[in-house]
Amino acid sequence: MSSRTLGTSTVLIREIVQQALTSGFLTIEAENLLRELLTTKYDSEDLNAFMLLQKAAMKGHVQQESRKLYPLSTSSSFLETSIS
């Protein structure tokens, strides 16, 4: 399980993913936190959640704030390239 403590609460990859899936939007802050969490040890539940987020973003169900602010014409987004 990969988590990060923010103040008194612990954040998990799957919680960030659930929020993005529910809202249909991934903020730059959440994207950066995911990047950080993905560099640590995480469990299969977090990995599966992240893969669901990747699929949702590729299908257009989740919009990335970073892509709206900084459109990419030829390179892939973070969610398309994070897990190989």
PDB file of N, CA and C in Angstrom:
ATOM      1  N   MET A   1       0.841  -1.166   0.000  1.00  0.00           N
ATOM      2  CA  MET A   1       0.000   0.000   0.000  1.00  0.00           C
ATOM      3  C   MET A   1       0.885   1.228   0.000  1.00  0.00           C
ATOM      4  N   SER A   2       0.705   2.097  -0.978  1.00  0.00           N
ATOM      5  CA  SER A   2       1.467   3.322  -1.043  1.00  0.00           C
ATOM      6  C   SER A   2       0.633   4.457  -0.485  1.00  0.00           C
ATOM      7  N   SER A   3       1.229   5.187   0.460  1.00  0.00           N
ATOM      8  CA  SER A   3       0.493   6.287   1.046  1.00  0.00           C
ATOM      9  C   SER A   3       1.437   7.419   1.386  1.00  0.00           C
ATOM     10  N   ARG A   4       0.853   8.579   1.579  1.00  0.00           N
ATOM     11  CA  ARG A   4       1.621   9.751   1.967  1.00  0.00           C
ATOM     12  C   ARG A   4       0.815  10.466   3.028  1.00  0.00           C
ATOM     13  N   THR A   5       1.481  10.896   4.058  1.00  0.00           N
ATOM     14  CA  THR A   5       0.801  11.601   5.121  1.00  0.00           C
ATOM     15  C   THR A   5       0.767  13.083   4.808  1.00  0.00           C
ATOM     16  N   LEU A   6      -0.408  13.650   4.802  1.00  0.00           N
ATOM     17  CA  LEU A   6      -0.614  15.080   4.618  1.00  0.00           C
ATOM     18  C   LEU A   6      -1.303  15.595   5.875  1.00  0.00           C
ATOM     19  N   GLY A   7      -0.572  16.307   6.694  1.00  0.00           N
ATOM     20  CA  GLY A   7      -1.136  16.754   7.962  1.00  0.00           C
ATOM     21  C   GLY A   7      -1.420  15.549   8.832  1.00  0.00           C
ATOM     22  N   THR A   8      -2.686  15.325   9.145  1.00  0.00           N
ATOM     23  CA  THR A   8      -3.051  14.191   9.989  1.00  0.00           C
ATOM     24  C   THR A   8      -3.673  13.050   9.194  1.00  0.00           C
ATOM     25  N   SER A   9      -3.796  13.219   7.879  1.00  0.00           N
ATOM     26  CA  SER A   9      -4.424  12.158   7.091  1.00  0.00           C
ATOM     27  C   SER A   9      -3.421  11.507   6.148  1.00  0.00           C
ATOM     28  N   THR A  10      -3.682  10.261   5.802  1.00  0.00           N
ATOM     29  CA  THR A  10      -2.842   9.498   4.897  1.00  0.00           C
ATOM     30  C   THR A  10      -3.567   9.363   3.571  1.00  0.00           C
ATOM     31  N   VAL A  11      -2.845   9.627   2.481  1.00  0.00           N
ATOM     32  CA  VAL A  11      -3.428   9.584   1.148  1.00  0.00           C
ATOM     33  C   VAL A  11      -2.942   8.324   0.434  1.00  0.00           C
ATOM     34  N   LEU A  12      -3.867   7.596  -0.185  1.00  0.00           N
ATOM     35  CA  LEU A  12      -3.542   6.402  -0.943  1.00  0.00           C
ATOM     36  C   LEU A  12      -3.798   6.654  -2.424  1.00  0.00           C
ATOM     37  N   ILE A  13      -3.082   5.936  -3.272  1.00  0.00           N
ATOM     38  CA  ILE A  13      -3.286   6.041  -4.719  1.00  0.00           C
ATOM     39  C   ILE A  13      -4.751   5.801  -5.048  1.00  0.00           C
ATOM     40  N   ARG A  14      -5.323   4.761  -4.496  1.00  0.00           N
ATOM     41  CA  ARG A  14      -6.700   4.408  -4.834  1.00  0.00           C
ATOM     42  C   ARG A  14      -7.698   5.477  -4.407  1.00  0.00           C
ATOM     43  N   GLU A  15      -7.386   6.247  -3.366  1.00  0.00           N
ATOM     44  CA  GLU A  15      -8.277   7.331  -2.950  1.00  0.00           C
ATOM     45  C   GLU A  15      -8.232   8.487  -3.947  1.00  0.00           C
ATOM     46  N   ILE A  16      -7.047   8.800  -4.435  1.00  0.00           N
ATOM     47  CA  ILE A  16      -6.912   9.852  -5.445  1.00  0.00           C
ATOM     48  C   ILE A  16      -7.644   9.427  -6.712  1.00  0.00           C
ATOM     49  N   VAL A  17      -7.473   8.170  -7.091  1.00  0.00           N
ATOM     50  CA  VAL A  17      -8.134   7.638  -8.283  1.00  0.00           C
ATOM     51  C   VAL A  17      -9.645   7.704  -8.117  1.00  0.00           C
ATOM     52  N   GLN A  18     -10.165   7.294  -6.972  1.00  0.00           N
ATOM     53  CA  GLN A  18     -11.611   7.311  -6.741  1.00  0.00           C
ATOM     54  C   GLN A  18     -12.166   8.719  -6.860  1.00  0.00           C
ATOM     55  N   GLN A  19     -11.449   9.682  -6.319  1.00  0.00           N
ATOM     56  CA  GLN A  19     -11.894  11.068  -6.406  1.00  0.00           C
ATOM     57  C   GLN A  19     -11.930  11.528  -7.866  1.00  0.00           C
ATOM     58  N   ALA A  20     -10.905  11.173  -8.632  1.00  0.00           N
ATOM     59  CA  ALA A  20     -10.860  11.561 -10.046  1.00  0.00           C
ATOM     60  C   ALA A  20     -11.965  10.870 -10.845  1.00  0.00           C
ATOM     61  N   LEU A  21     -12.201   9.604 -10.577  1.00  0.00           N
ATOM     62  CA  LEU A  21     -13.254   8.879 -11.286  1.00  0.00           C
ATOM     63  C   LEU A  21     -14.635   9.436 -10.947  1.00  0.00           C
ATOM     64  N   THR A  22     -14.827   9.815  -9.704  1.00  0.00           N
ATOM     65  CA  THR A  22     -16.112  10.362  -9.267  1.00  0.00           C
ATOM     66  C   THR A  22     -16.364  11.738  -9.869  1.00  0.00           C
ATOM     67  N   SER A  23     -15.336  12.572  -9.868  1.00  0.00           N
ATOM     68  CA  SER A  23     -15.499  13.942 -10.362  1.00  0.00           C
ATOM     69  C   SER A  23     -15.321  14.052 -11.871  1.00  0.00           C
ATOM     70  N   GLY A  24     -14.624  13.064 -12.462  1.00  0.00           N
ATOM     71  CA  GLY A  24     -14.335  13.136 -13.892  1.00  0.00           C
ATOM     72  C   GLY A  24     -13.208  14.090 -14.211  1.00  0.00           C
ATOM     73  N   PHE A  25     -12.423  14.465 -13.182  1.00  0.00           N
ATOM     74  CA  PHE A  25     -11.375  15.466 -13.364  1.00  0.00           C
ATOM     75  C   PHE A  25     -10.190  15.140 -12.465  1.00  0.00           C
ATOM     76  N   LEU A  26      -8.981  15.236 -13.027  1.00  0.00           N
ATOM     77  CA  LEU A  26      -7.748  15.017 -12.268  1.00  0.00           C
ATOM     78  C   LEU A  26      -6.986  16.333 -12.219  1.00  0.00           C
ATOM     79  N   THR A  27      -6.848  16.881 -11.020  1.00  0.00           N
ATOM     80  CA  THR A  27      -6.144  18.151 -10.870  1.00  0.00           C
ATOM     81  C   THR A  27      -4.639  17.958 -11.029  1.00  0.00           C
ATOM     82  N   ILE A  28      -3.950  19.051 -11.285  1.00  0.00           N
ATOM     83  CA  ILE A  28      -2.489  18.998 -11.371  1.00  0.00           C
ATOM     84  C   ILE A  28      -1.908  18.549 -10.035  1.00  0.00           C
ATOM     85  N   GLU A  29      -2.481  19.030  -8.945  1.00  0.00           N
ATOM     86  CA  GLU A  29      -2.014  18.639  -7.614  1.00  0.00           C
ATOM     87  C   GLU A  29      -2.135  17.127  -7.415  1.00  0.00           C
ATOM     88  N   ALA A  30      -3.279  16.559  -7.787  1.00  0.00           N
ATOM     89  CA  ALA A  30      -3.491  15.117  -7.646  1.00  0.00           C
ATOM     90  C   ALA A  30      -2.565  14.345  -8.571  1.00  0.00           C
ATOM     91  N   GLU A  31      -2.359  14.848  -9.771  1.00  0.00           N
ATOM     92  CA  GLU A  31      -1.458  14.189 -10.727  1.00  0.00           C
ATOM     93  C   GLU A  31      -0.028  14.164 -10.180  1.00  0.00           C
ATOM     94  N   ASN A  32       0.416  15.273  -9.605  1.00  0.00           N
ATOM     95  CA  ASN A  32       1.758  15.329  -9.023  1.00  0.00           C
ATOM     96  C   ASN A  32       1.888  14.404  -7.824  1.00  0.00           C
ATOM     97  N   LEU A  33       0.838  14.320  -7.020  1.00  0.00           N
ATOM     98  CA  LEU A  33       0.853  13.406  -5.879  1.00  0.00           C
ATOM     99  C   LEU A  33       0.896  11.958  -6.356  1.00  0.00           C
ATOM    100  N   LEU A  34       0.157  11.641  -7.408  1.00  0.00           N
ATOM    101  CA  LEU A  34       0.223  10.290  -7.977  1.00  0.00           C
ATOM    102  C   LEU A  34       1.638   9.977  -8.449  1.00  0.00           C
ATOM    103  N   ARG A  35       2.266  10.920  -9.131  1.00  0.00           N
ATOM    104  CA  ARG A  35       3.652  10.716  -9.576  1.00  0.00           C
ATOM    105  C   ARG A  35       4.554  10.359  -8.397  1.00  0.00           C
ATOM    106  N   GLU A  36       4.401  11.112  -7.318  1.00  0.00           N
ATOM    107  CA  GLU A  36       5.217  10.873  -6.126  1.00  0.00           C
ATOM    108  C   GLU A  36       4.921   9.507  -5.519  1.00  0.00           C
ATOM    109  N   LEU A  37       3.639   9.183  -5.380  1.00  0.00           N
ATOM    110  CA  LEU A  37       3.257   7.907  -4.771  1.00  0.00           C
ATOM    111  C   LEU A  37       3.684   6.715  -5.623  1.00  0.00           C
ATOM    112  N   LEU A  38       3.702   6.893  -6.935  1.00  0.00           N
ATOM    113  CA  LEU A  38       4.087   5.793  -7.817  1.00  0.00           C
ATOM    114  C   LEU A  38       5.587   5.507  -7.790  1.00  0.00           C
ATOM    115  N   THR A  39       6.354   6.375  -7.152  1.00  0.00           N
ATOM    116  CA  THR A  39       7.790   6.111  -6.990  1.00  0.00           C
ATOM    117  C   THR A  39       8.069   5.328  -5.718  1.00  0.00           C
ATOM    118  N   THR A  40       7.031   5.083  -4.913  1.00  0.00           N
ATOM    119  CA  THR A  40       7.176   4.331  -3.678  1.00  0.00           C
ATOM    120  C   THR A  40       6.586   2.936  -3.872  1.00  0.00           C
ATOM    121  N   LYS A  41       6.716   2.123  -2.862  1.00  0.00           N
ATOM    122  CA  LYS A  41       6.140   0.782  -2.930  1.00  0.00           C
ATOM    123  C   LYS A  41       4.623   0.883  -2.759  1.00  0.00           C
ATOM    124  N   TYR A  42       3.891   0.221  -3.644  1.00  0.00           N
ATOM    125  CA  TYR A  42       2.432   0.232  -3.580  1.00  0.00           C
ATOM    126  C   TYR A  42       1.916  -1.168  -3.819  1.00  0.00           C
ATOM    127  N   ASP A  43       0.677  -1.424  -3.394  1.00  0.00           N
ATOM    128  CA  ASP A  43       0.117  -2.773  -3.515  1.00  0.00           C
ATOM    129  C   ASP A  43      -0.690  -2.924  -4.801  1.00  0.00           C
ATOM    130  N   SER A  44      -1.150  -4.127  -5.031  1.00  0.00           N
ATOM    131  CA  SER A  44      -1.867  -4.432  -6.274  1.00  0.00           C
ATOM    132  C   SER A  44      -3.191  -3.676  -6.366  1.00  0.00           C
ATOM    133  N   GLU A  45      -3.816  -3.389  -5.248  1.00  0.00           N
ATOM    134  CA  GLU A  45      -5.071  -2.631  -5.270  1.00  0.00           C
ATOM    135  C   GLU A  45      -4.827  -1.208  -5.791  1.00  0.00           C
ATOM    136  N   ASP A  46      -3.716  -0.597  -5.358  1.00  0.00           N
ATOM    137  CA  ASP A  46      -3.370   0.728  -5.862  1.00  0.00           C
ATOM    138  C   ASP A  46      -3.001   0.673  -7.342  1.00  0.00           C
ATOM    139  N   LEU A  47      -2.263  -0.339  -7.744  1.00  0.00           N
ATOM    140  CA  LEU A  47      -1.898  -0.484  -9.152  1.00  0.00           C
ATOM    141  C   LEU A  47      -3.145  -0.661 -10.020  1.00  0.00           C
ATOM    142  N   ASN A  48      -4.059  -1.507  -9.591  1.00  0.00           N
ATOM    143  CA  ASN A  48      -5.297  -1.718 -10.345  1.00  0.00           C
ATOM    144  C   ASN A  48      -6.111  -0.438 -10.435  1.00  0.00           C
ATOM    145  N   ALA A  49      -6.165   0.319  -9.347  1.00  0.00           N
ATOM    146  CA  ALA A  49      -6.888   1.585  -9.361  1.00  0.00           C
ATOM    147  C   ALA A  49      -6.249   2.546 -10.351  1.00  0.00           C
ATOM    148  N   PHE A  50      -4.930   2.615 -10.356  1.00  0.00           N
ATOM    149  CA  PHE A  50      -4.247   3.517 -11.280  1.00  0.00           C
ATOM    150  C   PHE A  50      -4.503   3.103 -12.730  1.00  0.00           C
ATOM    151  N   MET A  51      -4.505   1.817 -12.997  1.00  0.00           N
ATOM    152  CA  MET A  51      -4.779   1.351 -14.361  1.00  0.00           C
ATOM    153  C   MET A  51      -6.211   1.711 -14.789  1.00  0.00           C
ATOM    154  N   LEU A  52      -7.156   1.649 -13.853  1.00  0.00           N
ATOM    155  CA  LEU A  52      -8.531   2.079 -14.157  1.00  0.00           C
ATOM    156  C   LEU A  52      -8.558   3.564 -14.518  1.00  0.00           C
ATOM    157  N   LEU A  53      -7.781   4.361 -13.786  1.00  0.00           N
ATOM    158  CA  LEU A  53      -7.713   5.787 -14.072  1.00  0.00           C
ATOM    159  C   LEU A  53      -7.106   6.041 -15.449  1.00  0.00           C
ATOM    160  N   GLN A  54      -6.062   5.293 -15.790  1.00  0.00           N
ATOM    161  CA  GLN A  54      -5.459   5.426 -17.118  1.00  0.00           C
ATOM    162  C   GLN A  54      -6.497   5.158 -18.206  1.00  0.00           C
ATOM    163  N   LYS A  55      -7.232   4.071 -18.061  1.00  0.00           N
ATOM    164  CA  LYS A  55      -8.242   3.705 -19.062  1.00  0.00           C
ATOM    165  C   LYS A  55      -9.336   4.767 -19.146  1.00  0.00           C
ATOM    166  N   ALA A  56      -9.783   5.251 -17.991  1.00  0.00           N
ATOM    167  CA  ALA A  56     -10.829   6.270 -17.975  1.00  0.00           C
ATOM    168  C   ALA A  56     -10.359   7.547 -18.654  1.00  0.00           C
ATOM    169  N   ALA A  57      -9.111   7.924 -18.437  1.00  0.00           N
ATOM    170  CA  ALA A  57      -8.575   9.126 -19.073  1.00  0.00           C
ATOM    171  C   ALA A  57      -8.456   8.931 -20.585  1.00  0.00           C
ATOM    172  N   MET A  58      -8.001   7.773 -21.000  1.00  0.00           N
ATOM    173  CA  MET A  58      -7.851   7.521 -22.434  1.00  0.00           C
ATOM    174  C   MET A  58      -9.200   7.479 -23.150  1.00  0.00           C
ATOM    175  N   LYS A  59     -10.261   7.058 -22.436  1.00  0.00           N
ATOM    176  CA  LYS A  59     -11.610   7.016 -23.023  1.00  0.00           C
ATOM    177  C   LYS A  59     -12.320   8.359 -22.910  1.00  0.00           C
ATOM    178  N   GLY A  60     -11.695   9.321 -22.224  1.00  0.00           N
ATOM    179  CA  GLY A  60     -12.295  10.637 -22.085  1.00  0.00           C
ATOM    180  C   GLY A  60     -13.247  10.788 -20.912  1.00  0.00           C
ATOM    181  N   HIS A  61     -13.286   9.787 -20.032  1.00  0.00           N
ATOM    182  CA  HIS A  61     -14.174   9.847 -18.871  1.00  0.00           C
ATOM    183  C   HIS A  61     -13.595  10.701 -17.749  1.00  0.00           C
ATOM    184  N   VAL A  62     -12.279  10.860 -17.752  1.00  0.00           N
ATOM    185  CA  VAL A  62     -11.599  11.713 -16.778  1.00  0.00           C
ATOM    186  C   VAL A  62     -10.735  12.688 -17.559  1.00  0.00           C
ATOM    187  N   GLN A  63     -10.919  13.969 -17.275  1.00  0.00           N
ATOM    188  CA  GLN A  63     -10.127  15.017 -17.910  1.00  0.00           C
ATOM    189  C   GLN A  63      -8.964  15.381 -16.998  1.00  0.00           C
ATOM    190  N   GLN A  64      -7.807  15.632 -17.587  1.00  0.00           N
ATOM    191  CA  GLN A  64      -6.630  16.031 -16.824  1.00  0.00           C
ATOM    192  C   GLN A  64      -6.465  17.544 -16.923  1.00  0.00           C
ATOM    193  N   GLU A  65      -6.398  18.191 -15.780  1.00  0.00           N
ATOM    194  CA  GLU A  65      -6.189  19.634 -15.750  1.00  0.00           C
ATOM    195  C   GLU A  65      -4.914  20.015 -16.498  1.00  0.00           C
ATOM    196  N   SER A  66      -3.873  19.215 -16.349  1.00  0.00           N
ATOM    197  CA  SER A  66      -2.597  19.520 -17.002  1.00  0.00           C
ATOM    198  C   SER A  66      -2.718  19.527 -18.526  1.00  0.00           C
ATOM    199  N   ARG A  67      -3.575  18.691 -19.054  1.00  0.00           N
ATOM    200  CA  ARG A  67      -3.754  18.658 -20.512  1.00  0.00           C
ATOM    201  C   ARG A  67      -4.546  19.854 -21.012  1.00  0.00           C
ATOM    202  N   LYS A  68      -5.392  20.399 -20.151  1.00  0.00           N
ATOM    203  CA  LYS A  68      -6.146  21.592 -20.529  1.00  0.00           C
ATOM    204  C   LYS A  68      -5.239  22.823 -20.506  1.00  0.00           C
ATOM    205  N   LEU A  69      -4.351  22.873 -19.510  1.00  0.00           N
ATOM    206  CA  LEU A  69      -3.455  24.022 -19.378  1.00  0.00           C
ATOM    207  C   LEU A  69      -2.257  23.935 -20.313  1.00  0.00           C
ATOM    208  N   TYR A  70      -1.767  22.719 -20.514  1.00  0.00           N
ATOM    209  CA  TYR A  70      -0.571  22.498 -21.328  1.00  0.00           C
ATOM    210  C   TYR A  70      -0.849  21.396 -22.346  1.00  0.00           C
ATOM    211  N   PRO A  71      -1.608  21.688 -23.394  1.00  0.00           N
ATOM    212  CA  PRO A  71      -1.957  20.650 -24.377  1.00  0.00           C
ATOM    213  C   PRO A  71      -0.716  20.021 -25.009  1.00  0.00           C
ATOM    214  N   LEU A  72      -0.780  18.727 -25.188  1.00  0.00           N
ATOM    215  CA  LEU A  72       0.318  17.988 -25.811  1.00  0.00           C
ATOM    216  C   LEU A  72      -0.114  17.590 -27.209  1.00  0.00           C
ATOM    217  N   SER A  73       0.678  17.930 -28.171  1.00  0.00           N
ATOM    218  CA  SER A  73       0.282  17.594 -29.533  1.00  0.00           C
ATOM    219  C   SER A  73       0.840  16.249 -29.966  1.00  0.00           C
ATOM    220  N   THR A  74       2.084  15.947 -29.606  1.00  0.00           N
ATOM    221  CA  THR A  74       2.672  14.715 -30.094  1.00  0.00           C
ATOM    222  C   THR A  74       3.098  13.747 -29.004  1.00  0.00           C
ATOM    223  N   SER A  75       3.347  14.237 -27.800  1.00  0.00           N
ATOM    224  CA  SER A  75       3.801  13.328 -26.757  1.00  0.00           C
ATOM    225  C   SER A  75       2.632  12.855 -25.921  1.00  0.00           C
ATOM    226  N   SER A  76       2.833  11.772 -25.191  1.00  0.00           N
ATOM    227  CA  SER A  76       1.787  11.167 -24.389  1.00  0.00           C
ATOM    228  C   SER A  76       1.650  11.869 -23.051  1.00  0.00           C
ATOM    229  N   SER A  77       0.486  11.734 -22.451  1.00  0.00           N
ATOM    230  CA  SER A  77       0.266  12.306 -21.125  1.00  0.00           C
ATOM    231  C   SER A  77       0.847  11.390 -20.057  1.00  0.00           C
ATOM    232  N   PHE A  78       0.921  11.918 -18.852  1.00  0.00           N
ATOM    233  CA  PHE A  78       1.416  11.176 -17.699  1.00  0.00           C
ATOM    234  C   PHE A  78       0.666   9.860 -17.518  1.00  0.00           C
ATOM    235  N   LEU A  79      -0.648   9.896 -17.613  1.00  0.00           N
ATOM    236  CA  LEU A  79      -1.428   8.694 -17.382  1.00  0.00           C
ATOM    237  C   LEU A  79      -1.230   7.645 -18.470  1.00  0.00           C
ATOM    238  N   GLU A  80      -0.833   8.063 -19.643  1.00  0.00           N
ATOM    239  CA  GLU A  80      -0.621   7.112 -20.730  1.00  0.00           C
ATOM    240  C   GLU A  80       0.753   6.465 -20.674  1.00  0.00           C
ATOM    241  N   THR A  81       1.686   7.032 -19.887  1.00  0.00           N
ATOM    242  CA  THR A  81       3.061   6.539 -19.907  1.00  0.00           C
ATOM    243  C   THR A  81       3.596   6.099 -18.568  1.00  0.00           C
ATOM    244  N   SER A  82       2.843   6.209 -17.489  1.00  0.00           N
ATOM    245  CA  SER A  82       3.371   5.959 -16.165  1.00  0.00           C
ATOM    246  C   SER A  82       3.695   4.503 -15.867  1.00  0.00           C
ATOM    247  N   ILE A  83       2.851   3.604 -16.292  1.00  0.00           N
ATOM    248  CA  ILE A  83       3.052   2.174 -16.027  1.00  0.00           C
ATOM    249  C   ILE A  83       3.367   1.475 -17.338  1.00  0.00           C
ATOM    250  N   SER A  84       4.489   0.811 -17.373  1.00  0.00           N
ATOM    251  CA  SER A  84       4.881   0.100 -18.603  1.00  0.00           C
ATOM    252  C   SER A  84       4.631  -1.376 -18.457  1.00  0.00           C
TER     253      SER A  84
END
